[in-house]
Amino acid sequence: MYMCQITGMFSKPGEKLNKIVVSTREKTYYRWVRDEDTNKWVEIECGRGFETVKEINASEKGRELWETWSLEEREMFLQEI
């Protein structure tokens, strides 16, 4: 059981949990490689992507409600929690 952060209601036992990503940030991934010319370790970029910063728990009804909201309504809701 969990509490839906959108509707404020508790779920039924065994009900599916929906995680809604509300905030992300850009992330650059690096790795260390030995340079063959200088024989020193060098940090090189090996990938770019996004990290999840914040998620909210939602029931099926909460997820459906979230999808009907406009961007402004979502931002106002997130300021309240």
C-alpha atoms as a PDB file:
ATOM      1  CA  MET A   1       0.000   0.000   0.000  1.00  0.00           C
ATOM      2  CA  TYR A   2       1.115   3.536  -0.687  1.00  0.00           C
ATOM      3  CA  MET A   3      -0.321   7.030  -0.682  1.00  0.00           C
ATOM      4  CA  CYS A   4      -0.981   8.665  -4.044  1.00  0.00           C
ATOM      5  CA  GLN A   5       0.704  12.072  -3.895  1.00  0.00           C
ATOM      6  CA  ILE A   6      -1.740  13.515  -6.422  1.00  0.00           C
ATOM      7  CA  THR A   7      -5.091  12.416  -4.999  1.00  0.00           C
ATOM      8  CA  GLY A   8      -3.937  11.979  -1.387  1.00  0.00           C
ATOM      9  CA  MET A   9      -5.704   8.610  -1.153  1.00  0.00           C
ATOM     10  CA  PHE A  10      -4.204   5.296  -0.049  1.00  0.00           C
ATOM     11  CA  SER A  11      -4.022   2.498  -2.591  1.00  0.00           C
ATOM     12  CA  LYS A  12      -5.621  -0.890  -2.307  1.00  0.00           C
ATOM     13  CA  PRO A  13      -3.314  -3.809  -1.472  1.00  0.00           C
ATOM     14  CA  GLY A  14      -1.600  -5.014  -4.659  1.00  0.00           C
ATOM     15  CA  GLU A  15      -2.508  -1.939  -6.706  1.00  0.00           C
ATOM     16  CA  LYS A  16       0.135  -0.901  -9.246  1.00  0.00           C
ATOM     17  CA  LEU A  17       2.389   2.033  -8.320  1.00  0.00           C
ATOM     18  CA  ASN A  18       3.013   4.620 -11.042  1.00  0.00           C
ATOM     19  CA  LYS A  19       6.161   6.726 -10.735  1.00  0.00           C
ATOM     20  CA  ILE A  20       5.874  10.085 -12.500  1.00  0.00           C
ATOM     21  CA  VAL A  21       9.154  11.871 -13.241  1.00  0.00           C
ATOM     22  CA  VAL A  22       8.691  15.561 -12.462  1.00  0.00           C
ATOM     23  CA  SER A  23      12.273  16.801 -12.557  1.00  0.00           C
ATOM     24  CA  THR A  24      15.428  15.777 -14.456  1.00  0.00           C
ATOM     25  CA  ARG A  25      18.884  17.209 -15.032  1.00  0.00           C
ATOM     26  CA  GLU A  26      21.483  16.744 -17.718  1.00  0.00           C
ATOM     27  CA  LYS A  27      24.371  14.445 -16.830  1.00  0.00           C
ATOM     28  CA  THR A  28      27.733  13.895 -18.522  1.00  0.00           C
ATOM     29  CA  TYR A  29      29.491  10.607 -17.835  1.00  0.00           C
ATOM     30  CA  TYR A  30      33.289  10.288 -17.777  1.00  0.00           C
ATOM     31  CA  ARG A  31      35.789   7.467 -17.509  1.00  0.00           C
ATOM     32  CA  TRP A  32      39.501   7.301 -16.869  1.00  0.00           C
ATOM     33  CA  VAL A  33      41.759   6.037 -19.689  1.00  0.00           C
ATOM     34  CA  ARG A  34      45.533   5.768 -19.827  1.00  0.00           C
ATOM     35  CA  ASP A  35      46.993   7.970 -22.597  1.00  0.00           C
ATOM     36  CA  GLU A  36      49.379   5.825 -24.666  1.00  0.00           C
ATOM     37  CA  ASP A  37      51.656   8.739 -25.601  1.00  0.00           C
ATOM     38  CA  THR A  38      52.213  10.230 -22.128  1.00  0.00           C
ATOM     39  CA  ASN A  39      51.368   7.107 -20.083  1.00  0.00           C
ATOM     40  CA  LYS A  40      49.199   9.264 -17.782  1.00  0.00           C
ATOM     41  CA  TRP A  41      45.567   8.831 -16.812  1.00  0.00           C
ATOM     42  CA  VAL A  42      43.145  11.108 -18.667  1.00  0.00           C
ATOM     43  CA  GLU A  43      39.456  11.642 -17.970  1.00  0.00           C
ATOM     44  CA  ILE A  44      37.389  11.448 -21.175  1.00  0.00           C
ATOM     45  CA  GLU A  45      33.692  11.920 -21.840  1.00  0.00           C
ATOM     46  CA  CYS A  46      32.010   8.610 -22.605  1.00  0.00           C
ATOM     47  CA  GLY A  47      28.337   9.574 -22.673  1.00  0.00           C
ATOM     48  CA  ARG A  48      25.577  12.088 -22.047  1.00  0.00           C
ATOM     49  CA  GLY A  49      22.119  11.610 -20.663  1.00  0.00           C
ATOM     50  CA  PHE A  50      19.620  12.647 -18.024  1.00  0.00           C
ATOM     51  CA  GLU A  51      19.249  11.847 -14.332  1.00  0.00           C
ATOM     52  CA  THR A  52      15.949  11.682 -12.500  1.00  0.00           C
ATOM     53  CA  VAL A  53      15.909  14.306  -9.745  1.00  0.00           C
ATOM     54  CA  LYS A  54      12.374  13.930  -8.406  1.00  0.00           C
ATOM     55  CA  GLU A  55       9.548  11.432  -8.838  1.00  0.00           C
ATOM     56  CA  ILE A  56       6.090  11.287  -7.321  1.00  0.00           C
ATOM     57  CA  ASN A  57       3.984   8.228  -6.486  1.00  0.00           C
ATOM     58  CA  ALA A  58       0.638   8.016  -8.211  1.00  0.00           C
ATOM     59  CA  SER A  59      -2.230   5.573  -8.432  1.00  0.00           C
ATOM     60  CA  GLU A  60      -3.941   4.877 -11.737  1.00  0.00           C
ATOM     61  CA  LYS A  61      -6.508   7.621 -11.023  1.00  0.00           C
ATOM     62  CA  GLY A  62      -3.727  10.018 -10.040  1.00  0.00           C
ATOM     63  CA  ARG A  63      -1.815   9.271 -13.245  1.00  0.00           C
ATOM     64  CA  GLU A  64      -4.927   9.897 -15.352  1.00  0.00           C
ATOM     65  CA  LEU A  65      -5.535  13.169 -13.513  1.00  0.00           C
ATOM     66  CA  TRP A  66      -1.887  14.222 -14.036  1.00  0.00           C
ATOM     67  CA  GLU A  67      -2.172  13.645 -17.781  1.00  0.00           C
ATOM     68  CA  THR A  68      -5.229  15.910 -18.047  1.00  0.00           C
ATOM     69  CA  TRP A  69      -3.473  18.872 -16.395  1.00  0.00           C
ATOM     70  CA  SER A  70      -1.766  21.605 -18.388  1.00  0.00           C
ATOM     71  CA  LEU A  71       1.880  22.520 -17.784  1.00  0.00           C
ATOM     72  CA  GLU A  72       0.859  25.483 -15.586  1.00  0.00           C
ATOM     73  CA  GLU A  73      -1.427  23.296 -13.449  1.00  0.00           C
ATOM     74  CA  ARG A  74       1.366  20.746 -12.978  1.00  0.00           C
ATOM     75  CA  GLU A  75       3.814  23.469 -11.895  1.00  0.00           C
ATOM     76  CA  MET A  76       1.323  24.887  -9.383  1.00  0.00           C
ATOM     77  CA  PHE A  77       0.732  21.406  -7.945  1.00  0.00           C
ATOM     78  CA  LEU A  78       4.468  20.748  -7.593  1.00  0.00           C
ATOM     79  CA  GLN A  79       4.956  24.021  -5.720  1.00  0.00           C
ATOM     80  CA  GLU A  80       2.366  22.905  -3.160  1.00  0.00           C
ATOM     81  CA  ILE A  81       4.018  19.574  -2.327  1.00  0.00           C
END
